[in-house]
Structures are given as C-alpha cells and as structure tokens.
Amino acid sequence: MTSNRTSGAVPVDEFVQAVGAQLDRAQDALALKVSGGNRPLTWALKDLQIELRVFVEFDDRGRLMLRSAGPNEKEASALHFSFTTITRPMVEENSYQYQRETDPRSIEDFRGSAEFDGDTQRKLDLLGVRTMGQLKQLDPMAVQAVMGIPATKLQAALAASSRPAVTGQEVVARPDGVRLLKIRGANLYSGILPEVRLAGHPVEVLDAQPNAVLVRPLAIHDEGQVEVFTDGHRATGWFRLGGAAGPNGANGAGSAGGSTNGAAP
C-alpha cells in the first residue's frame, strides 16, 4: 500500500543502517567479552531475519519510507529483511570507492549553474549518480532518452565542473621527517604538471593526479593561500601545516577553499 503521508515514517536506508549499527555494537561487545574474559568458546550471529508490518510511503523527494502499522490498521504490507555476514573484501568489491573518485564533488554543489530542480536530483539519485565524477561517465543524450533529464542541464553541469577546484589538504609525513602537502580537488592535472604556489611562493610538484597534487612546501611555510594553475585556469584554497602529523601522516582535514578561475600570470 502506498501513501503520501510521512508522519512517523522512516527511510528504508536509515532503517537498514540503524539495524547494522546495533549489530556492529553487539560484535564489538563480543570482541571485548572474548579478549577480557579469556573464553575459549562463545556465540556468533550468522543470520538475522526481520518481518515488518508497515505501510510503504513516499516523501516529496521520492524516497521510499516505512511507517509502522497501528493496532487497527489491517492493510499493512509485510516486508521481510534478511541480514547475513559479509567480509571486508566483499564490501570493498561491491561498493563505490569514493577515495578513487577523480571528481568527488557533490552534484548538489552545481545545482545553481545547471538549474537542477528537485525532480532532476531525484532521477540522478535513482541512477546512483551523486558525484560529478560519476556524472562525467554518462552520456547526456542517453540520460535524456532514458530518464527524461534534458541533456542541456547535464552539459551545463559538466561545463561548470570542468574548471580546476581545490577542496582540501592533507599533510603527509615522510619517514625522514620531511612534511609534504597533498592538495585535494578536481581537474588539477591534465597531462602537464600544474604550477603550484603556497602563500605566493612557487613550490616543487612531486606528483600530480586529477584529484590530488603532492608538493614540497618551503621551510618558511606554515599556512596561507593555495594556488594551482593548470590549463590557463587558477584554483585557490587554504593550507595549514601547523601541528603534529597524525598516524597516517595527516594532521586532519584541510581547509576547503573556494575555487576561482582566471588566466595564470
């Protein structure tokens, strides 16, 4: 049964995540019990099955919602959820790897330039397209034919996202104690090493990828503006080197700077 009512309803994905979170806590508690109690044998959860009596509803964004049936509501649908175990390699193999995304920026960041409305966003969500990197892999004309999204809107979003942008930073500590700076963003490399300036000073570029550039800061650098020049465009952000490096050579998320575009001097 479907309805437009969403009072007390829960999105399906949030329900599944809530169940998963509680199972994770049970697993963590079991690990503590085994390590602290020196037990040679204990229990493990292999499968979990849940049957729900609910009403299926849709909110204004087109999300599927579940609302528990009341005492006198007899027309509810029966939904069966079966949870089973899965290993980390299986999760990594069958899920989207955002850290490998060439352009991880959210499509919502370009709603203004592409004139995306709620219906367009919902259709892209149904396709599983949430980042500009995913959108770049699609043919706008094919999306228009299948999903009814005007190709001109998609092309406008792709044009707006083609310029370089700086979105963050990461301090990388080498074994010899030298600290490098990894500048994260999009469209930072197109085959020719970009020019990078930290606080107005040119710095050495050690490695460049479309979504990250690794540079060697000067001894005088602590914090300031990042400038990346590539393909005649300029992207800006903010860097901060202060503080001790973390376990993986990072001192936390860098300041995400806005990107501006202009001819490189």
C-alpha atoms as a PDB file:
ATOM      1  CA  MET A   1       0.000   0.000   0.000  1.00  0.00           C
ATOM      2  CA  THR A   2       1.335   3.433  -0.859  1.00  0.00           C
ATOM      3  CA  SER A   3       0.535   6.821   0.576  1.00  0.00           C
ATOM      4  CA  ASN A   4       1.846  10.387   0.665  1.00  0.00           C
ATOM      5  CA  ARG A   5       1.765  10.507   4.468  1.00  0.00           C
ATOM      6  CA  THR A   6       5.224  10.537   6.087  1.00  0.00           C
ATOM      7  CA  SER A   7       4.372  11.209   9.763  1.00  0.00           C
ATOM      8  CA  GLY A   8       6.442   8.773  11.821  1.00  0.00           C
ATOM      9  CA  ALA A   9       7.835   7.139   8.695  1.00  0.00           C
ATOM     10  CA  VAL A  10      11.493   6.154   8.374  1.00  0.00           C
ATOM     11  CA  PRO A  11      13.532   5.958   5.139  1.00  0.00           C
ATOM     12  CA  VAL A  12      14.442   2.386   4.206  1.00  0.00           C
ATOM     13  CA  ASP A  13      18.180   3.120   4.104  1.00  0.00           C
ATOM     14  CA  GLU A  14      18.120   4.657   7.599  1.00  0.00           C
ATOM     15  CA  PHE A  15      16.281   1.620   8.953  1.00  0.00           C
ATOM     16  CA  VAL A  16      18.860  -0.760   7.482  1.00  0.00           C
ATOM     17  CA  GLN A  17      21.745   1.386   8.757  1.00  0.00           C
ATOM     18  CA  ALA A  18      20.228   1.502  12.252  1.00  0.00           C
ATOM     19  CA  VAL A  19      19.987  -2.294  12.378  1.00  0.00           C
ATOM     20  CA  GLY A  20      23.544  -2.602  11.080  1.00  0.00           C
ATOM     21  CA  ALA A  21      24.856  -0.133  13.663  1.00  0.00           C
ATOM     22  CA  GLN A  22      23.335  -2.121  16.536  1.00  0.00           C
ATOM     23  CA  LEU A  23      24.749  -5.371  15.150  1.00  0.00           C
ATOM     24  CA  ASP A  24      28.169  -3.701  14.944  1.00  0.00           C
ATOM     25  CA  ARG A  25      27.911  -2.694  18.607  1.00  0.00           C
ATOM     26  CA  ALA A  26      26.979  -6.252  19.540  1.00  0.00           C
ATOM     27  CA  GLN A  27      30.013  -7.518  17.644  1.00  0.00           C
ATOM     28  CA  ASP A  28      32.299  -5.011  19.373  1.00  0.00           C
ATOM     29  CA  ALA A  29      30.932  -6.045  22.777  1.00  0.00           C
ATOM     30  CA  LEU A  30      31.505  -9.702  21.879  1.00  0.00           C
ATOM     31  CA  ALA A  31      35.133  -8.933  20.988  1.00  0.00           C
ATOM     32  CA  LEU A  32      35.660  -7.294  24.387  1.00  0.00           C
ATOM     33  CA  LYS A  33      33.989 -10.221  26.117  1.00  0.00           C
ATOM     34  CA  VAL A  34      36.306 -12.714  24.435  1.00  0.00           C
ATOM     35  CA  SER A  35      39.518 -10.719  24.905  1.00  0.00           C
ATOM     36  CA  GLY A  36      38.798  -9.783  28.528  1.00  0.00           C
ATOM     37  CA  GLY A  37      37.110 -12.957  29.743  1.00  0.00           C
ATOM     38  CA  ASN A  38      39.507 -15.499  28.213  1.00  0.00           C
ATOM     39  CA  ARG A  39      36.578 -17.565  26.923  1.00  0.00           C
ATOM     40  CA  PRO A  40      37.539 -20.489  24.672  1.00  0.00           C
ATOM     41  CA  LEU A  41      34.045 -20.678  23.133  1.00  0.00           C
ATOM     42  CA  THR A  42      31.235 -18.182  22.628  1.00  0.00           C
ATOM     43  CA  TRP A  43      28.412 -17.362  20.246  1.00  0.00           C
ATOM     44  CA  ALA A  44      28.350 -15.589  16.867  1.00  0.00           C
ATOM     45  CA  LEU A  45      25.498 -14.130  14.829  1.00  0.00           C
ATOM     46  CA  LYS A  46      25.259 -15.703  11.384  1.00  0.00           C
ATOM     47  CA  ASP A  47      21.840 -14.691  10.063  1.00  0.00           C
ATOM     48  CA  LEU A  48      19.081 -12.372  11.234  1.00  0.00           C
ATOM     49  CA  GLN A  49      15.589 -12.242   9.739  1.00  0.00           C
ATOM     50  CA  ILE A  50      13.089  -9.456  10.437  1.00  0.00           C
ATOM     51  CA  GLU A  51       9.460  -9.300   9.369  1.00  0.00           C
ATOM     52  CA  LEU A  52       7.765  -5.906   9.448  1.00  0.00           C
ATOM     53  CA  ARG A  53       4.117  -4.941   9.118  1.00  0.00           C
ATOM     54  CA  VAL A  54       4.348  -1.493   7.600  1.00  0.00           C
ATOM     55  CA  PHE A  55       2.811   0.970   5.187  1.00  0.00           C
ATOM     56  CA  VAL A  56       5.019   1.917   2.250  1.00  0.00           C
ATOM     57  CA  GLU A  57       5.044   5.658   1.595  1.00  0.00           C
ATOM     58  CA  PHE A  58       6.953   8.163  -0.489  1.00  0.00           C
ATOM     59  CA  ASP A  59       8.083  11.610   0.636  1.00  0.00           C
ATOM     60  CA  ASP A  60       8.385  14.752  -1.505  1.00  0.00           C
ATOM     61  CA  ARG A  61      11.905  13.739  -2.579  1.00  0.00           C
ATOM     62  CA  GLY A  62      10.736  10.365  -3.871  1.00  0.00           C
ATOM     63  CA  ARG A  63      12.359   8.408  -1.042  1.00  0.00           C
ATOM     64  CA  LEU A  64      10.778   5.121  -0.015  1.00  0.00           C
ATOM     65  CA  MET A  65       9.525   5.391   3.581  1.00  0.00           C
ATOM     66  CA  LEU A  66       8.317   2.771   6.044  1.00  0.00           C
ATOM     67  CA  ARG A  67       5.605   3.554   8.594  1.00  0.00           C
ATOM     68  CA  SER A  68       4.754   1.014  11.275  1.00  0.00           C
ATOM     69  CA  ALA A  69       1.179  -0.222  11.229  1.00  0.00           C
ATOM     70  CA  GLY A  70      -1.043   0.757  14.141  1.00  0.00           C
ATOM     71  CA  PRO A  71      -3.177  -1.637  16.198  1.00  0.00           C
ATOM     72  CA  ASN A  72      -6.256  -1.307  13.972  1.00  0.00           C
ATOM     73  CA  GLU A  73      -4.540  -0.920  10.605  1.00  0.00           C
ATOM     74  CA  LYS A  74      -5.004  -4.243   8.828  1.00  0.00           C
ATOM     75  CA  GLU A  75      -3.972  -3.289   5.306  1.00  0.00           C
ATOM     76  CA  ALA A  76      -0.254  -3.024   6.042  1.00  0.00           C
ATOM     77  CA  SER A  77       2.272  -4.746   3.811  1.00  0.00           C
ATOM     78  CA  ALA A  78       4.575  -7.493   5.063  1.00  0.00           C
ATOM     79  CA  LEU A  79       8.259  -6.858   4.402  1.00  0.00           C
ATOM     80  CA  HIS A  80      10.977  -9.395   5.111  1.00  0.00           C
ATOM     81  CA  PHE A  81      14.588  -8.353   5.733  1.00  0.00           C
ATOM     82  CA  SER A  82      17.333 -10.936   5.974  1.00  0.00           C
ATOM     83  CA  PHE A  83      20.746  -9.902   7.293  1.00  0.00           C
ATOM     84  CA  THR A  84      23.796 -12.112   6.868  1.00  0.00           C
ATOM     85  CA  THR A  85      27.542 -11.822   7.350  1.00  0.00           C
ATOM     86  CA  ILE A  86      29.849 -10.239   4.813  1.00  0.00           C
ATOM     87  CA  THR A  87      33.607  -9.751   4.814  1.00  0.00           C
ATOM     88  CA  ARG A  88      35.504  -6.511   4.239  1.00  0.00           C
ATOM     89  CA  PRO A  89      36.829  -7.582   0.784  1.00  0.00           C
ATOM     90  CA  MET A  90      33.256  -8.327  -0.294  1.00  0.00           C
ATOM     91  CA  VAL A  91      32.136  -4.858   0.844  1.00  0.00           C
ATOM     92  CA  GLU A  92      35.024  -3.145  -0.947  1.00  0.00           C
ATOM     93  CA  GLU A  93      34.441  -5.151  -4.112  1.00  0.00           C
ATOM     94  CA  ASN A  94      30.734  -4.337  -4.317  1.00  0.00           C
ATOM     95  CA  SER A  95      30.608  -0.727  -3.130  1.00  0.00           C
ATOM     96  CA  TYR A  96      31.546   2.584  -4.697  1.00  0.00           C
ATOM     97  CA  GLN A  97      35.098   3.692  -3.869  1.00  0.00           C
ATOM     98  CA  TYR A  98      34.853   7.434  -3.273  1.00  0.00           C
ATOM     99  CA  GLN A  99      38.563   7.726  -2.465  1.00  0.00           C
ATOM    100  CA  ARG A 100      39.308   6.710  -6.051  1.00  0.00           C
ATOM    101  CA  GLU A 101      36.880   9.240  -7.492  1.00  0.00           C
ATOM    102  CA  THR A 102      38.508  11.655  -9.939  1.00  0.00           C
ATOM    103  CA  ASP A 103      35.961  14.348  -9.063  1.00  0.00           C
ATOM    104  CA  PRO A 104      34.335  13.683  -5.663  1.00  0.00           C
ATOM    105  CA  ARG A 105      32.383  16.947  -5.564  1.00  0.00           C
ATOM    106  CA  SER A 106      28.670  16.551  -4.938  1.00  0.00           C
ATOM    107  CA  ILE A 107      26.266  17.216  -7.782  1.00  0.00           C
ATOM    108  CA  GLU A 108      24.302  19.428  -5.393  1.00  0.00           C
ATOM    109  CA  ASP A 109      27.205  21.911  -5.492  1.00  0.00           C
ATOM    110  CA  PHE A 110      26.325  22.607  -9.138  1.00  0.00           C
ATOM    111  CA  ARG A 111      22.545  22.828  -8.881  1.00  0.00           C
ATOM    112  CA  GLY A 112      22.636  26.568  -9.495  1.00  0.00           C
ATOM    113  CA  SER A 113      24.811  26.541 -12.612  1.00  0.00           C
ATOM    114  CA  ALA A 114      22.963  23.547 -14.083  1.00  0.00           C
ATOM    115  CA  GLU A 115      19.487  24.637 -12.918  1.00  0.00           C
ATOM    116  CA  PHE A 116      18.812  21.242 -11.383  1.00  0.00           C
ATOM    117  CA  ASP A 117      15.417  21.046  -9.721  1.00  0.00           C
ATOM    118  CA  GLY A 118      14.254  18.501  -7.173  1.00  0.00           C
ATOM    119  CA  ASP A 119      12.915  16.156  -9.842  1.00  0.00           C
ATOM    120  CA  THR A 120      16.242  16.133 -11.700  1.00  0.00           C
ATOM    121  CA  GLN A 121      18.137  15.445  -8.477  1.00  0.00           C
ATOM    122  CA  ARG A 122      15.762  12.589  -7.645  1.00  0.00           C
ATOM    123  CA  LYS A 123      16.254  10.982 -11.056  1.00  0.00           C
ATOM    124  CA  LEU A 124      20.039  11.178 -10.715  1.00  0.00           C
ATOM    125  CA  ASP A 125      19.759   9.597  -7.254  1.00  0.00           C
ATOM    126  CA  LEU A 126      17.811   6.719  -8.797  1.00  0.00           C
ATOM    127  CA  LEU A 127      20.723   6.201 -11.196  1.00  0.00           C
ATOM    128  CA  GLY A 128      23.129   6.166  -8.252  1.00  0.00           C
ATOM    129  CA  VAL A 129      24.824   9.317  -9.534  1.00  0.00           C
ATOM    130  CA  ARG A 130      25.870  11.544  -6.630  1.00  0.00           C
ATOM    131  CA  THR A 131      29.253  12.987  -7.652  1.00  0.00           C
ATOM    132  CA  MET A 132      30.492  14.895 -10.667  1.00  0.00           C
ATOM    133  CA  GLY A 133      32.943  12.081 -11.374  1.00  0.00           C
ATOM    134  CA  GLN A 134      30.033   9.677 -11.795  1.00  0.00           C
ATOM    135  CA  LEU A 135      28.147  12.167 -13.971  1.00  0.00           C
ATOM    136  CA  LYS A 136      31.159  12.580 -16.263  1.00  0.00           C
ATOM    137  CA  GLN A 137      30.985   8.868 -17.079  1.00  0.00           C
ATOM    138  CA  LEU A 138      27.469   9.196 -18.522  1.00  0.00           C
ATOM    139  CA  ASP A 139      26.335  10.265 -21.982  1.00  0.00           C
ATOM    140  CA  PRO A 140      23.950  13.241 -21.538  1.00  0.00           C
ATOM    141  CA  MET A 141      21.916  12.204 -24.581  1.00  0.00           C
ATOM    142  CA  ALA A 142      21.492   8.654 -23.229  1.00  0.00           C
ATOM    143  CA  VAL A 143      20.405  10.002 -19.827  1.00  0.00           C
ATOM    144  CA  GLN A 144      17.887  12.272 -21.546  1.00  0.00           C
ATOM    145  CA  ALA A 145      16.445   9.362 -23.518  1.00  0.00           C
ATOM    146  CA  VAL A 146      16.188   7.019 -20.536  1.00  0.00           C
ATOM    147  CA  MET A 147      15.491   9.309 -17.567  1.00  0.00           C
ATOM    148  CA  GLY A 148      13.995  12.385 -19.256  1.00  0.00           C
ATOM    149  CA  ILE A 149      16.606  14.807 -17.897  1.00  0.00           C
ATOM    150  CA  PRO A 150      17.331  17.489 -20.518  1.00  0.00           C
ATOM    151  CA  ALA A 151      20.820  16.993 -21.936  1.00  0.00           C
ATOM    152  CA  THR A 152      21.396  20.751 -21.806  1.00  0.00           C
ATOM    153  CA  LYS A 153      21.167  20.684 -17.997  1.00  0.00           C
ATOM    154  CA  LEU A 154      23.707  17.893 -17.761  1.00  0.00           C
ATOM    155  CA  GLN A 155      26.028  19.611 -20.236  1.00  0.00           C
ATOM    156  CA  ALA A 156      25.818  22.842 -18.229  1.00  0.00           C
ATOM    157  CA  ALA A 157      26.814  20.959 -15.071  1.00  0.00           C
ATOM    158  CA  LEU A 158      29.697  19.264 -16.859  1.00  0.00           C
ATOM    159  CA  ALA A 159      30.922  22.604 -18.235  1.00  0.00           C
ATOM    160  CA  ALA A 160      30.802  24.200 -14.783  1.00  0.00           C
ATOM    161  CA  SER A 161      32.696  21.264 -13.262  1.00  0.00           C
ATOM    162  CA  SER A 162      35.445  21.220 -15.904  1.00  0.00           C
ATOM    163  CA  ARG A 163      37.407  24.014 -14.245  1.00  0.00           C
ATOM    164  CA  PRO A 164      40.011  23.127 -11.587  1.00  0.00           C
ATOM    165  CA  ALA A 165      39.000  23.345  -7.941  1.00  0.00           C
ATOM    166  CA  VAL A 166      40.769  22.933  -4.590  1.00  0.00           C
ATOM    167  CA  THR A 167      38.650  21.209  -1.949  1.00  0.00           C
ATOM    168  CA  GLY A 168      41.070  20.358   0.880  1.00  0.00           C
ATOM    169  CA  GLN A 169      44.530  19.355   2.008  1.00  0.00           C
ATOM    170  CA  GLU A 170      46.458  16.622   3.790  1.00  0.00           C
ATOM    171  CA  VAL A 171      49.856  16.860   5.438  1.00  0.00           C
ATOM    172  CA  VAL A 172      51.980  13.816   4.573  1.00  0.00           C
ATOM    173  CA  ALA A 173      54.990  12.975   6.775  1.00  0.00           C
ATOM    174  CA  ARG A 174      57.845  11.008   5.186  1.00  0.00           C
ATOM    175  CA  PRO A 175      59.948   8.572   7.239  1.00  0.00           C
ATOM    176  CA  ASP A 176      62.834  11.064   7.230  1.00  0.00           C
ATOM    177  CA  GLY A 177      60.638  13.664   8.941  1.00  0.00           C
ATOM    178  CA  VAL A 178      60.082  15.842   5.881  1.00  0.00           C
ATOM    179  CA  ARG A 179      56.467  17.033   5.595  1.00  0.00           C
ATOM    180  CA  LEU A 180      54.793  17.252   2.232  1.00  0.00           C
ATOM    181  CA  LEU A 181      51.437  18.735   1.333  1.00  0.00           C
ATOM    182  CA  LYS A 182      48.789  16.875  -0.652  1.00  0.00           C
ATOM    183  CA  ILE A 183      46.305  19.275  -2.217  1.00  0.00           C
ATOM    184  CA  ARG A 184      42.955  17.645  -2.960  1.00  0.00           C
ATOM    185  CA  GLY A 185      40.471  18.798  -5.539  1.00  0.00           C
ATOM    186  CA  ALA A 186      39.273  18.201  -9.085  1.00  0.00           C
ATOM    187  CA  ASN A 187      40.732  18.769 -12.562  1.00  0.00           C
ATOM    188  CA  LEU A 188      44.132  19.609 -11.065  1.00  0.00           C
ATOM    189  CA  TYR A 189      46.103  17.670 -13.680  1.00  0.00           C
ATOM    190  CA  SER A 190      45.537  17.149 -17.396  1.00  0.00           C
ATOM    191  CA  GLY A 191      48.845  15.668 -18.561  1.00  0.00           C
ATOM    192  CA  ILE A 192      51.102  18.647 -17.850  1.00  0.00           C
ATOM    193  CA  LEU A 193      52.345  19.325 -14.322  1.00  0.00           C
ATOM    194  CA  PRO A 194      50.464  22.280 -12.842  1.00  0.00           C
ATOM    195  CA  GLU A 195      52.143  25.271 -11.261  1.00  0.00           C
ATOM    196  CA  VAL A 196      51.507  25.481  -7.520  1.00  0.00           C
ATOM    197  CA  ARG A 197      52.089  28.392  -5.177  1.00  0.00           C
ATOM    198  CA  LEU A 198      51.849  28.370  -1.401  1.00  0.00           C
ATOM    199  CA  ALA A 199      51.414  31.802   0.175  1.00  0.00           C
ATOM    200  CA  GLY A 200      52.588  33.298  -3.105  1.00  0.00           C
ATOM    201  CA  HIS A 201      55.766  31.179  -3.391  1.00  0.00           C
ATOM    202  CA  PRO A 202      56.245  28.633  -6.216  1.00  0.00           C
ATOM    203  CA  VAL A 203      56.831  25.128  -4.827  1.00  0.00           C
ATOM    204  CA  GLU A 204      58.042  21.834  -6.288  1.00  0.00           C
ATOM    205  CA  VAL A 205      55.345  19.475  -7.592  1.00  0.00           C
ATOM    206  CA  LEU A 206      56.309  15.884  -6.764  1.00  0.00           C
ATOM    207  CA  ASP A 207      53.248  14.104  -8.108  1.00  0.00           C
ATOM    208  CA  ALA A 208      50.032  15.116  -9.816  1.00  0.00           C
ATOM    209  CA  GLN A 209      46.715  13.383 -10.377  1.00  0.00           C
ATOM    210  CA  PRO A 210      43.369  14.856 -11.457  1.00  0.00           C
ATOM    211  CA  ASN A 211      42.110  14.761  -7.858  1.00  0.00           C
ATOM    212  CA  ALA A 212      45.333  15.449  -5.923  1.00  0.00           C
ATOM    213  CA  VAL A 213      48.682  17.194  -6.224  1.00  0.00           C
ATOM    214  CA  LEU A 214      51.647  16.460  -3.934  1.00  0.00           C
ATOM    215  CA  VAL A 215      54.042  19.362  -3.330  1.00  0.00           C
ATOM    216  CA  ARG A 216      57.086  20.122  -1.182  1.00  0.00           C
ATOM    217  CA  PRO A 217      56.464  23.221   0.984  1.00  0.00           C
ATOM    218  CA  LEU A 218      59.307  25.596   1.782  1.00  0.00           C
ATOM    219  CA  ALA A 219      60.752  25.889   5.279  1.00  0.00           C
ATOM    220  CA  ILE A 220      59.061  29.270   5.710  1.00  0.00           C
ATOM    221  CA  HIS A 221      55.583  27.898   5.054  1.00  0.00           C
ATOM    222  CA  ASP A 222      53.079  27.472   7.864  1.00  0.00           C
ATOM    223  CA  GLU A 223      49.698  28.467   6.447  1.00  0.00           C
ATOM    224  CA  GLY A 224      48.283  30.616   3.692  1.00  0.00           C
ATOM    225  CA  GLN A 225      46.654  30.548   0.296  1.00  0.00           C
ATOM    226  CA  VAL A 226      46.999  27.656  -2.144  1.00  0.00           C
ATOM    227  CA  GLU A 227      47.061  28.470  -5.845  1.00  0.00           C
ATOM    228  CA  VAL A 228      47.028  25.823  -8.550  1.00  0.00           C
ATOM    229  CA  PHE A 229      47.444  26.916 -12.166  1.00  0.00           C
ATOM    230  CA  THR A 230      46.501  24.442 -14.884  1.00  0.00           C
ATOM    231  CA  ASP A 231      45.132  24.752 -18.413  1.00  0.00           C
ATOM    232  CA  GLY A 232      45.026  28.538 -18.115  1.00  0.00           C
ATOM    233  CA  HIS A 233      42.803  28.420 -15.025  1.00  0.00           C
ATOM    234  CA  ARG A 234      43.510  29.214 -11.378  1.00  0.00           C
ATOM    235  CA  ALA A 235      42.058  27.312  -8.439  1.00  0.00           C
ATOM    236  CA  THR A 236      42.516  28.572  -4.896  1.00  0.00           C
ATOM    237  CA  GLY A 237      42.195  27.213  -1.389  1.00  0.00           C
ATOM    238  CA  TRP A 238      43.883  27.420   2.011  1.00  0.00           C
ATOM    239  CA  PHE A 239      46.631  25.307   3.545  1.00  0.00           C
ATOM    240  CA  ARG A 240      47.825  24.827   7.108  1.00  0.00           C
ATOM    241  CA  LEU A 241      50.952  22.861   8.036  1.00  0.00           C
ATOM    242  CA  GLY A 242      50.977  23.553  11.774  1.00  0.00           C
ATOM    243  CA  GLY A 243      50.529  20.737  14.289  1.00  0.00           C
ATOM    244  CA  ALA A 244      51.943  17.272  14.579  1.00  0.00           C
ATOM    245  CA  ALA A 245      51.241  14.776  11.860  1.00  0.00           C
ATOM    246  CA  GLY A 246      48.746  12.022  12.593  1.00  0.00           C
ATOM    247  CA  PRO A 247      49.303   8.254  12.430  1.00  0.00           C
ATOM    248  CA  ASN A 248      48.976   8.258   8.663  1.00  0.00           C
ATOM    249  CA  GLY A 249      50.910  11.442   8.121  1.00  0.00           C
ATOM    250  CA  ALA A 250      47.844  13.671   8.133  1.00  0.00           C
ATOM    251  CA  ASN A 251      47.039  16.491  10.532  1.00  0.00           C
ATOM    252  CA  GLY A 252      43.350  16.426   9.804  1.00  0.00           C
ATOM    253  CA  ALA A 253      41.184  17.727   7.022  1.00  0.00           C
ATOM    254  CA  GLY A 254      42.495  20.811   5.349  1.00  0.00           C
ATOM    255  CA  SER A 255      40.588  23.988   4.837  1.00  0.00           C
ATOM    256  CA  ALA A 256      38.463  23.664   1.788  1.00  0.00           C
ATOM    257  CA  GLY A 257      38.923  26.746  -0.289  1.00  0.00           C
ATOM    258  CA  GLY A 258      36.607  28.120  -2.877  1.00  0.00           C
ATOM    259  CA  SER A 259      37.822  27.918  -6.451  1.00  0.00           C
ATOM    260  CA  THR A 260      38.224  30.898  -8.688  1.00  0.00           C
ATOM    261  CA  ASN A 261      39.149  30.877 -12.322  1.00  0.00           C
ATOM    262  CA  GLY A 262      41.270  33.181 -14.337  1.00  0.00           C
ATOM    263  CA  ALA A 263      44.271  33.217 -16.604  1.00  0.00           C
ATOM    264  CA  ALA A 264      47.501  32.184 -14.932  1.00  0.00           C
ATOM    265  CA  PRO A 265      50.000  35.051 -14.740  1.00  0.00           C
END
